[in-house]
């Protein structure tokens, strides 16, 4: 992920924190402190519940295959650039 993705996420997060602080009558610093204080890792049961929820939302009306071969082909051919397509620029590939 590039092209400013992290910057956009940071901006969205800052906006959300500022809105949340305003809603609760806090300063941004107080809201960040509250978020850090309340932060905790998910339990195994919570992780399993999230996983089940995501699986339930996944489409089941289409077939999906293992993408390992496709990933290896892209890796081994530099995204298809190193394949022989019959053009003069293949350098004997």
C-alpha atoms as a PDB file:
ATOM      1  CA  UNK A   1       0.000   0.000   0.000  1.00  0.00           C
ATOM      2  CA  UNK A   2       1.440   3.279  -1.049  1.00  0.00           C
ATOM      3  CA  UNK A   3       0.489   6.539  -2.719  1.00  0.00           C
ATOM      4  CA  UNK A   4      -0.428   8.225   0.538  1.00  0.00           C
ATOM      5  CA  UNK A   5      -2.616   5.422   1.897  1.00  0.00           C
ATOM      6  CA  UNK A   6      -1.103   5.686   5.366  1.00  0.00           C
ATOM      7  CA  UNK A   7      -1.475   9.459   5.281  1.00  0.00           C
ATOM      8  CA  UNK A   8      -5.158   9.156   4.397  1.00  0.00           C
ATOM      9  CA  UNK A   9      -5.740   6.621   7.169  1.00  0.00           C
ATOM     10  CA  UNK A  10      -3.952   8.888   9.647  1.00  0.00           C
ATOM     11  CA  UNK A  11      -6.132  11.814   8.579  1.00  0.00           C
ATOM     12  CA  UNK A  12      -9.315   9.755   8.924  1.00  0.00           C
ATOM     13  CA  UNK A  13      -8.252   8.515  12.356  1.00  0.00           C
ATOM     14  CA  UNK A  14      -7.436  12.056  13.488  1.00  0.00           C
ATOM     15  CA  UNK A  15     -10.842  13.277  12.304  1.00  0.00           C
ATOM     16  CA  UNK A  16     -12.632  10.454  14.116  1.00  0.00           C
ATOM     17  CA  UNK A  17     -10.734  11.105  17.336  1.00  0.00           C
ATOM     18  CA  UNK A  18     -11.478  14.839  17.114  1.00  0.00           C
ATOM     19  CA  UNK A  19     -15.202  14.166  16.497  1.00  0.00           C
ATOM     20  CA  UNK A  20     -15.333  11.681  19.362  1.00  0.00           C
ATOM     21  CA  UNK A  21     -13.572  14.129  21.683  1.00  0.00           C
ATOM     22  CA  UNK A  22     -16.051  16.869  20.757  1.00  0.00           C
ATOM     23  CA  UNK A  23     -18.996  14.525  21.334  1.00  0.00           C
ATOM     24  CA  UNK A  24     -17.795  13.675  24.840  1.00  0.00           C
ATOM     25  CA  UNK A  25     -16.618  17.193  25.668  1.00  0.00           C
ATOM     26  CA  UNK A  26     -12.975  16.143  25.875  1.00  0.00           C
ATOM     27  CA  UNK A  27      -9.853  17.576  24.368  1.00  0.00           C
ATOM     28  CA  UNK A  28      -8.175  15.482  21.696  1.00  0.00           C
ATOM     29  CA  UNK A  29      -5.394  14.657  24.170  1.00  0.00           C
ATOM     30  CA  UNK A  30      -7.928  13.442  26.754  1.00  0.00           C
ATOM     31  CA  UNK A  31      -9.661  11.300  24.155  1.00  0.00           C
ATOM     32  CA  UNK A  32      -6.380   9.733  23.004  1.00  0.00           C
ATOM     33  CA  UNK A  33      -5.531   8.987  26.642  1.00  0.00           C
ATOM     34  CA  UNK A  34      -8.948   7.376  27.140  1.00  0.00           C
ATOM     35  CA  UNK A  35      -8.527   5.281  23.992  1.00  0.00           C
ATOM     36  CA  UNK A  36      -5.088   4.102  25.100  1.00  0.00           C
ATOM     37  CA  UNK A  37      -6.373   3.296  28.583  1.00  0.00           C
ATOM     38  CA  UNK A  38      -9.274   1.231  27.216  1.00  0.00           C
ATOM     39  CA  UNK A  39      -7.181  -0.541  24.587  1.00  0.00           C
ATOM     40  CA  UNK A  40      -6.757  -4.267  25.061  1.00  0.00           C
ATOM     41  CA  UNK A  41      -5.989  -7.257  22.899  1.00  0.00           C
ATOM     42  CA  UNK A  42      -8.879  -9.376  21.643  1.00  0.00           C
ATOM     43  CA  UNK A  43      -9.465 -12.683  23.362  1.00  0.00           C
ATOM     44  CA  UNK A  44      -9.398 -15.919  21.388  1.00  0.00           C
ATOM     45  CA  UNK A  45     -13.198 -16.139  21.630  1.00  0.00           C
ATOM     46  CA  UNK A  46     -13.547 -12.583  20.257  1.00  0.00           C
ATOM     47  CA  UNK A  47     -11.183 -13.367  17.386  1.00  0.00           C
ATOM     48  CA  UNK A  48     -13.136 -16.528  16.550  1.00  0.00           C
ATOM     49  CA  UNK A  49     -16.412 -14.578  16.626  1.00  0.00           C
ATOM     50  CA  UNK A  50     -14.993 -11.959  14.225  1.00  0.00           C
ATOM     51  CA  UNK A  51     -13.699 -14.706  11.947  1.00  0.00           C
ATOM     52  CA  UNK A  52     -17.094 -16.429  11.906  1.00  0.00           C
ATOM     53  CA  UNK A  53     -18.791 -13.117  11.157  1.00  0.00           C
ATOM     54  CA  UNK A  54     -16.469 -12.438   8.211  1.00  0.00           C
ATOM     55  CA  UNK A  55     -16.905 -15.970   6.856  1.00  0.00           C
ATOM     56  CA  UNK A  56     -20.670 -15.560   7.071  1.00  0.00           C
ATOM     57  CA  UNK A  57     -20.441 -12.452   4.877  1.00  0.00           C
ATOM     58  CA  UNK A  58     -18.318 -14.200   2.236  1.00  0.00           C
ATOM     59  CA  UNK A  59     -19.963 -15.209  -0.996  1.00  0.00           C
ATOM     60  CA  UNK A  60     -20.724 -18.907  -1.264  1.00  0.00           C
ATOM     61  CA  UNK A  61     -22.274 -18.947  -4.739  1.00  0.00           C
ATOM     62  CA  UNK A  62     -18.991 -18.982  -6.615  1.00  0.00           C
ATOM     63  CA  UNK A  63     -16.059 -21.333  -6.741  1.00  0.00           C
ATOM     64  CA  UNK A  64     -12.693 -20.147  -5.561  1.00  0.00           C
ATOM     65  CA  UNK A  65      -9.376 -21.839  -6.151  1.00  0.00           C
ATOM     66  CA  UNK A  66      -6.094 -21.819  -4.367  1.00  0.00           C
ATOM     67  CA  UNK A  67      -4.174 -18.810  -5.687  1.00  0.00           C
ATOM     68  CA  UNK A  68      -0.725 -20.242  -4.904  1.00  0.00           C
ATOM     69  CA  UNK A  69       0.060 -21.052  -8.545  1.00  0.00           C
ATOM     70  CA  UNK A  70      -0.980 -17.588  -9.714  1.00  0.00           C
ATOM     71  CA  UNK A  71       1.121 -15.903  -7.026  1.00  0.00           C
ATOM     72  CA  UNK A  72       4.139 -18.039  -7.942  1.00  0.00           C
ATOM     73  CA  UNK A  73       3.690 -17.237 -11.651  1.00  0.00           C
ATOM     74  CA  UNK A  74       3.620 -13.489 -10.937  1.00  0.00           C
ATOM     75  CA  UNK A  75       6.665 -13.829  -8.684  1.00  0.00           C
ATOM     76  CA  UNK A  76       8.668 -15.969 -11.121  1.00  0.00           C
ATOM     77  CA  UNK A  77       7.856 -13.926 -14.237  1.00  0.00           C
ATOM     78  CA  UNK A  78       8.078 -10.434 -12.676  1.00  0.00           C
ATOM     79  CA  UNK A  79       4.366  -9.953 -13.138  1.00  0.00           C
ATOM     80  CA  UNK A  80       4.414 -11.456 -16.623  1.00  0.00           C
ATOM     81  CA  UNK A  81       7.170  -9.186 -17.933  1.00  0.00           C
ATOM     82  CA  UNK A  82       9.589 -12.117 -18.301  1.00  0.00           C
ATOM     83  CA  UNK A  83       7.333 -14.273 -20.484  1.00  0.00           C
ATOM     84  CA  UNK A  84       7.780 -14.941 -24.178  1.00  0.00           C
ATOM     85  CA  UNK A  85       4.954 -13.202 -26.005  1.00  0.00           C
ATOM     86  CA  UNK A  86       6.626 -13.440 -29.415  1.00  0.00           C
ATOM     87  CA  UNK A  87       7.745  -9.816 -29.642  1.00  0.00           C
ATOM     88  CA  UNK A  88      11.275  -8.779 -30.527  1.00  0.00           C
ATOM     89  CA  UNK A  89      11.903  -7.346 -27.052  1.00  0.00           C
ATOM     90  CA  UNK A  90      11.836 -10.769 -25.357  1.00  0.00           C
ATOM     91  CA  UNK A  91      15.605 -11.300 -25.614  1.00  0.00           C
ATOM     92  CA  UNK A  92      15.147 -15.003 -26.209  1.00  0.00           C
ATOM     93  CA  UNK A  93      12.894 -15.656 -23.253  1.00  0.00           C
END
